[in-house]
Amino acid sequence: MIFLIGLAAAGLLGLGFVAQQHAAYREPLGRMLHPSLLLDLIHKPLWLAGLAAMVGGQILGALALSGANVAKVEPLLATNLLFALVIGRIVCKENLHWNEWLGGLMASGGIALFLVLGRPTGEHPTGPESERWLAAAGIVFLALVLVSIGRRSPLQTRAMLLAAAAGMLFGLQDAVTRGLLLRLGHGLWAIVTSWQPYALVIVAICGLLLAQSAFDAAPLRVSLPAATAAEPITGILLGVLVFTERLRLGPGPLAGQIIGLAMMVSGIVILGRSPYLAKRENNVSECPEARLP
């Protein structure tokens, strides 16, 4: 059941990303990283529809996290790029090419290999006061570094760096959500008086702004793969560091996990180069005529 819920969450996220990118791409580049970008986008029905799909995906993702640890759920959420590709293919009304099939097989096969060999098990109900949450501060710092570098980089590089920073915050968001779910048994007052629900809102808004800025700068084929790859890696890392989730560390299983993650990231990169994720210059219902090389 967790597997199906995770895939459903990824499907809604993929749909939301496609709709949001089509709306955000029409915004002036001068609004990148500025709150006015979000304030303008909330007046666009297409973007709001994408936001609704994304919220639905986050809710289903939280439901999946309530029944499994972070290291198990994150790879499933990473399949959102597959769903975004399928949506782009339907819009274009064209068949998938061999490289897109290869990317899909590598991404899904890598996820399966990681879950089968890694078998993430166990976790410690980490309270908000635990010093292990300092790892989250490290993630925020790295995201800020990427944003700082991106501000001085060419447009396509900027889009990738901003998207990667957004993916890191999305992974952090998933970890904080898991932390909140583990605290539900302590009562509402324990949740309200902790820093986690407020940090969750701030991280979600900042991640959304970074993602929309990346979508404003470049097509999904440039921006979304970086976000899709960064989110599960961040989530798995925080699952191990914060919740002490255990992965199988024998030589064979560890090598298989590394290969699985490498396959997943490589598949995501291959899928990201699909022309179906290229920036649309015309109406969003049309197949793109202008594509990046």
Protein backbone atom coordinates (compact mmCIF):
# COMPACT_ATOMS: atom_id res chain seq x y z
CA MET A 1 0.00 0.00 0.00
CA ILE A 2 2.86 2.39 0.83
CA PHE A 3 4.31 1.67 -2.60
CA LEU A 4 1.07 2.67 -4.35
CA ILE A 5 0.59 5.77 -2.21
CA GLY A 6 4.17 6.84 -2.93
CA LEU A 7 3.68 6.42 -6.67
CA ALA A 8 0.37 8.33 -6.54
CA ALA A 9 2.15 11.13 -4.71
CA ALA A 10 4.88 11.18 -7.37
CA GLY A 11 2.24 11.31 -10.12
CA LEU A 12 0.57 14.37 -8.61
CA LEU A 13 3.95 16.03 -8.05
CA GLY A 14 4.93 15.42 -11.68
CA LEU A 15 1.65 16.90 -12.89
CA GLY A 16 2.06 19.88 -10.58
CA PHE A 17 5.63 20.55 -11.73
CA VAL A 18 4.62 20.54 -15.40
CA ALA A 19 1.74 22.96 -14.85
CA GLN A 20 3.80 25.25 -12.62
CA GLN A 21 6.71 25.41 -15.04
CA HIS A 22 4.48 26.41 -17.94
CA ALA A 23 3.11 29.28 -15.89
CA ALA A 24 6.39 30.34 -14.24
CA TYR A 25 8.32 30.35 -17.52
CA ARG A 26 6.31 33.31 -18.76
CA GLU A 27 7.41 35.47 -15.84
CA PRO A 28 10.14 38.12 -16.27
CA LEU A 29 13.58 36.86 -15.34
CA GLY A 30 14.01 39.84 -13.04
CA ARG A 31 11.54 38.27 -10.62
CA MET A 32 13.66 35.21 -9.96
CA LEU A 33 14.20 34.65 -6.22
CA HIS A 34 11.84 37.52 -5.41
CA PRO A 35 8.59 36.98 -3.46
CA SER A 36 6.77 38.98 -6.13
CA LEU A 37 7.20 35.94 -8.39
CA LEU A 38 4.92 33.89 -6.15
CA LEU A 39 2.53 36.80 -5.65
CA ASP A 40 2.09 37.09 -9.41
CA LEU A 41 1.80 33.35 -10.00
CA ILE A 42 -1.06 32.93 -7.53
CA HIS A 43 -3.23 34.90 -9.99
CA LYS A 44 -2.65 32.36 -12.77
CA PRO A 45 -5.21 29.49 -12.91
CA LEU A 46 -2.72 27.08 -14.49
CA TRP A 47 -0.19 27.65 -11.73
CA LEU A 48 -2.86 27.30 -9.05
CA ALA A 49 -3.93 24.01 -10.60
CA GLY A 50 -0.31 22.88 -10.49
CA LEU A 51 -0.05 24.01 -6.87
CA ALA A 52 -3.19 22.04 -6.00
CA ALA A 53 -1.70 18.93 -7.60
CA MET A 54 1.56 19.51 -5.75
CA VAL A 55 -0.25 19.93 -2.42
CA GLY A 56 -2.14 16.71 -3.12
CA GLY A 57 1.15 14.99 -3.81
CA GLN A 58 2.61 16.33 -0.57
CA ILE A 59 -0.40 15.06 1.38
CA LEU A 60 -0.07 11.61 -0.14
CA GLY A 61 3.67 11.77 0.50
CA ALA A 62 2.99 12.56 4.16
CA LEU A 63 0.57 9.63 4.27
CA ALA A 64 3.29 7.37 2.89
CA LEU A 65 5.76 8.76 5.44
CA SER A 66 3.31 7.96 8.22
CA GLY A 67 3.63 4.28 7.38
CA ALA A 68 7.28 3.98 6.37
CA ASN A 69 10.62 5.60 7.06
CA VAL A 70 12.14 8.34 4.94
CA ALA A 71 14.68 6.14 3.14
CA LYS A 72 11.87 3.94 1.80
CA VAL A 73 9.55 6.72 0.64
CA GLU A 74 12.03 9.14 -0.93
CA PRO A 75 13.03 6.91 -3.89
CA LEU A 76 9.35 6.46 -4.76
CA LEU A 77 8.77 10.21 -4.79
CA ALA A 78 11.72 10.54 -7.17
CA THR A 79 9.62 8.94 -9.92
CA ASN A 80 7.78 12.27 -10.37
CA LEU A 81 10.01 12.97 -13.38
CA LEU A 82 8.69 9.82 -15.08
CA PHE A 83 5.15 11.11 -14.68
CA ALA A 84 6.17 14.58 -15.92
CA LEU A 85 7.67 12.93 -19.01
CA VAL A 86 4.48 10.95 -19.70
CA ILE A 87 2.41 14.13 -19.40
CA GLY A 88 4.75 15.88 -21.84
CA ARG A 89 4.47 12.94 -24.21
CA ILE A 90 0.65 13.09 -24.11
CA VAL A 91 0.71 16.82 -24.85
CA CYS A 92 3.05 16.30 -27.79
CA LYS A 93 1.19 13.18 -29.01
CA GLU A 94 4.44 11.48 -29.98
CA ASN A 95 6.04 8.16 -29.09
CA LEU A 96 8.84 7.86 -26.59
CA HIS A 97 12.34 7.36 -27.98
CA TRP A 98 14.78 4.65 -26.97
CA ASN A 99 16.77 6.95 -24.70
CA GLU A 100 13.64 7.86 -22.77
CA TRP A 101 12.80 4.19 -22.28
CA LEU A 102 16.39 3.67 -21.16
CA GLY A 103 16.17 6.57 -18.69
CA GLY A 104 12.90 5.26 -17.31
CA LEU A 105 14.29 1.76 -16.87
CA MET A 106 17.44 3.07 -15.20
CA ALA A 107 15.52 5.35 -12.83
CA SER A 108 12.93 2.75 -11.82
CA GLY A 109 15.48 -0.07 -11.76
CA GLY A 110 17.84 1.97 -9.61
CA ILE A 111 15.05 2.69 -7.13
CA ALA A 112 14.09 -0.98 -6.97
CA LEU A 113 17.72 -2.05 -6.53
CA PHE A 114 18.26 0.42 -3.70
CA LEU A 115 15.10 -0.63 -1.85
CA VAL A 116 15.71 -4.36 -2.29
CA LEU A 117 19.39 -4.36 -1.30
CA GLY A 118 19.32 -1.48 1.16
CA ARG A 119 16.19 -2.65 3.00
CA PRO A 120 15.97 0.53 5.12
CA THR A 121 14.82 -0.51 8.58
CA GLY A 122 14.32 0.95 12.01
CA GLU A 123 14.39 4.52 13.15
CA HIS A 124 14.60 6.48 16.37
CA PRO A 125 11.75 8.88 17.20
CA THR A 126 13.95 11.96 17.19
CA GLY A 127 12.49 14.83 19.23
CA PRO A 128 12.74 18.45 18.07
CA GLU A 129 15.31 19.14 20.79
CA SER A 130 17.72 16.49 19.51
CA GLU A 131 21.11 17.69 18.37
CA ARG A 132 20.80 15.35 15.39
CA TRP A 133 18.61 18.00 13.76
CA LEU A 134 21.80 20.04 13.27
CA ALA A 135 22.15 17.99 10.10
CA ALA A 136 19.12 19.90 8.80
CA ALA A 137 20.98 23.16 9.37
CA GLY A 138 23.79 21.76 7.25
CA ILE A 139 21.33 21.07 4.42
CA VAL A 140 20.03 24.64 4.60
CA PHE A 141 23.59 25.96 4.48
CA LEU A 142 24.43 23.89 1.40
CA ALA A 143 21.24 25.07 -0.30
CA LEU A 144 22.21 28.69 0.42
CA VAL A 145 25.64 28.04 -1.10
CA LEU A 146 24.03 26.72 -4.29
CA VAL A 147 21.75 29.75 -4.48
CA SER A 148 24.69 32.10 -3.96
CA ILE A 149 26.69 30.43 -6.73
CA GLY A 150 23.64 30.31 -8.98
CA ARG A 151 23.03 34.04 -8.75
CA ARG A 152 26.38 34.61 -10.47
CA SER A 153 26.08 31.81 -13.03
CA PRO A 154 24.74 31.64 -16.62
CA LEU A 155 21.00 31.15 -16.92
CA GLN A 156 20.92 27.37 -17.50
CA THR A 157 23.48 26.71 -14.76
CA ARG A 158 21.50 29.00 -12.47
CA ALA A 159 18.35 27.00 -13.16
CA MET A 160 20.07 23.70 -12.29
CA LEU A 161 21.60 25.08 -9.09
CA LEU A 162 18.35 26.68 -7.93
CA ALA A 163 16.47 23.47 -8.71
CA ALA A 164 19.03 21.41 -6.79
CA ALA A 165 18.67 23.77 -3.82
CA ALA A 166 14.88 23.42 -4.07
CA GLY A 167 15.21 19.63 -4.13
CA MET A 168 17.36 19.74 -1.01
CA LEU A 169 14.71 21.79 0.78
CA PHE A 170 12.01 19.39 -0.43
CA GLY A 171 14.01 16.51 1.06
CA LEU A 172 14.36 18.48 4.31
CA GLN A 173 10.63 19.14 4.21
CA ASP A 174 9.96 15.41 3.99
CA ALA A 175 12.23 14.75 6.97
CA VAL A 176 10.57 17.43 9.10
CA THR A 177 7.16 16.04 8.11
CA ARG A 178 8.28 12.60 9.28
CA GLY A 179 9.48 14.14 12.54
CA LEU A 180 6.10 15.75 13.11
CA LEU A 181 4.27 12.51 12.38
CA LEU A 182 6.37 10.71 14.96
CA ARG A 183 5.37 13.36 17.53
CA LEU A 184 1.62 12.98 17.04
CA GLY A 185 1.38 10.63 19.99
CA HIS A 186 2.64 13.35 22.33
CA GLY A 187 -0.43 15.51 21.79
CA LEU A 188 -1.23 18.70 19.94
CA TRP A 189 0.42 20.97 22.53
CA ALA A 190 3.78 19.24 22.10
CA ILE A 191 3.61 19.90 18.37
CA VAL A 192 2.45 23.52 18.60
CA THR A 193 5.20 24.42 21.07
CA SER A 194 8.00 22.89 18.98
CA TRP A 195 9.89 24.56 16.15
CA GLN A 196 9.04 21.90 13.56
CA PRO A 197 5.62 23.02 12.23
CA TYR A 198 6.85 26.58 11.74
CA ALA A 199 10.09 25.45 10.13
CA LEU A 200 8.04 23.20 7.85
CA VAL A 201 6.04 26.17 6.54
CA ILE A 202 9.17 28.29 6.01
CA VAL A 203 11.07 25.48 4.27
CA ALA A 204 8.05 24.71 2.04
CA ILE A 205 7.69 28.35 0.96
CA CYS A 206 11.42 28.78 0.31
CA GLY A 207 11.55 25.52 -1.63
CA LEU A 208 8.56 26.62 -3.69
CA LEU A 209 10.17 29.98 -4.48
CA LEU A 210 13.43 28.31 -5.54
CA ALA A 211 11.60 25.81 -7.72
CA GLN A 212 9.53 28.49 -9.45
CA SER A 213 12.65 30.59 -10.00
CA ALA A 214 14.32 27.59 -11.64
CA PHE A 215 11.21 27.00 -13.77
CA ASP A 216 11.29 30.68 -14.75
CA ALA A 217 14.88 30.35 -15.92
CA ALA A 218 14.82 27.17 -18.03
CA PRO A 219 12.70 24.25 -19.31
CA LEU A 220 11.88 21.27 -17.12
CA ARG A 221 14.56 19.27 -18.93
CA VAL A 222 17.14 21.57 -17.32
CA SER A 223 15.58 22.30 -13.94
CA LEU A 224 13.48 19.33 -12.83
CA PRO A 225 16.14 16.56 -12.99
CA ALA A 226 18.34 18.42 -10.50
CA ALA A 227 15.45 18.84 -8.06
CA THR A 228 14.30 15.24 -8.55
CA ALA A 229 17.78 13.88 -7.85
CA ALA A 230 18.54 16.15 -4.88
CA GLU A 231 15.32 15.43 -2.97
CA PRO A 232 15.71 11.65 -2.39
CA ILE A 233 19.44 11.90 -1.71
CA THR A 234 18.80 14.60 0.91
CA GLY A 235 15.89 12.68 2.41
CA ILE A 236 17.85 9.44 2.66
CA LEU A 237 20.82 11.27 4.20
CA LEU A 238 18.60 12.93 6.82
CA GLY A 239 16.85 9.63 7.46
CA VAL A 240 20.20 8.11 8.42
CA LEU A 241 21.62 11.12 10.29
CA VAL A 242 18.48 12.34 12.08
CA PHE A 243 16.30 9.26 12.51
CA THR A 244 19.18 6.75 12.63
CA GLU A 245 17.56 4.65 9.92
CA ARG A 246 19.72 1.67 9.11
CA LEU A 247 20.80 0.48 5.70
CA ARG A 248 22.51 -2.83 5.03
CA LEU A 249 26.24 -2.08 5.11
CA GLY A 250 27.79 -5.34 3.96
CA PRO A 251 30.15 -5.05 0.98
CA GLY A 252 27.63 -6.57 -1.45
CA PRO A 253 24.50 -4.67 -0.32
CA LEU A 254 26.41 -1.40 0.03
CA ALA A 255 27.81 -1.69 -3.48
CA GLY A 256 24.32 -2.49 -4.76
CA GLN A 257 22.87 0.57 -3.01
CA ILE A 258 25.50 2.83 -4.53
CA ILE A 259 24.85 1.35 -7.97
CA GLY A 260 21.11 1.74 -7.45
CA LEU A 261 21.40 5.42 -6.53
CA ALA A 262 23.79 6.01 -9.43
CA MET A 263 21.33 4.35 -11.81
CA MET A 264 18.48 6.45 -10.41
CA VAL A 265 20.36 9.73 -10.83
CA SER A 266 21.64 8.74 -14.30
CA GLY A 267 18.14 7.79 -15.40
CA ILE A 268 16.78 11.08 -14.11
CA VAL A 269 19.43 12.99 -16.07
CA ILE A 270 18.64 11.03 -19.26
CA LEU A 271 14.92 11.63 -18.85
CA GLY A 272 15.56 15.30 -18.22
CA ARG A 273 17.03 15.63 -21.70
CA SER A 274 13.76 14.59 -23.33
CA PRO A 275 12.35 17.18 -25.77
CA TYR A 276 8.92 16.64 -24.16
CA LEU A 277 10.23 18.58 -21.18
CA ALA A 278 11.57 21.40 -23.33
CA LYS A 279 10.31 24.91 -22.78
CA ARG A 280 7.10 25.77 -24.61
CA GLU A 281 7.15 29.07 -26.41
CA ASN A 282 3.52 28.87 -27.49
CA ASN A 283 0.33 27.69 -25.83
CA VAL A 284 0.90 24.98 -23.20
CA SER A 285 -1.34 22.61 -25.11
CA GLU A 286 1.05 22.60 -28.05
CA CYS A 287 4.16 20.58 -28.59
CA PRO A 288 7.28 22.79 -28.28
CA GLU A 289 8.74 24.06 -31.50
CA ALA A 290 11.76 25.79 -29.98
CA ARG A 291 13.93 23.39 -28.04
CA LEU A 292 17.26 23.64 -26.32
CA PRO A 293 20.16 21.85 -28.03
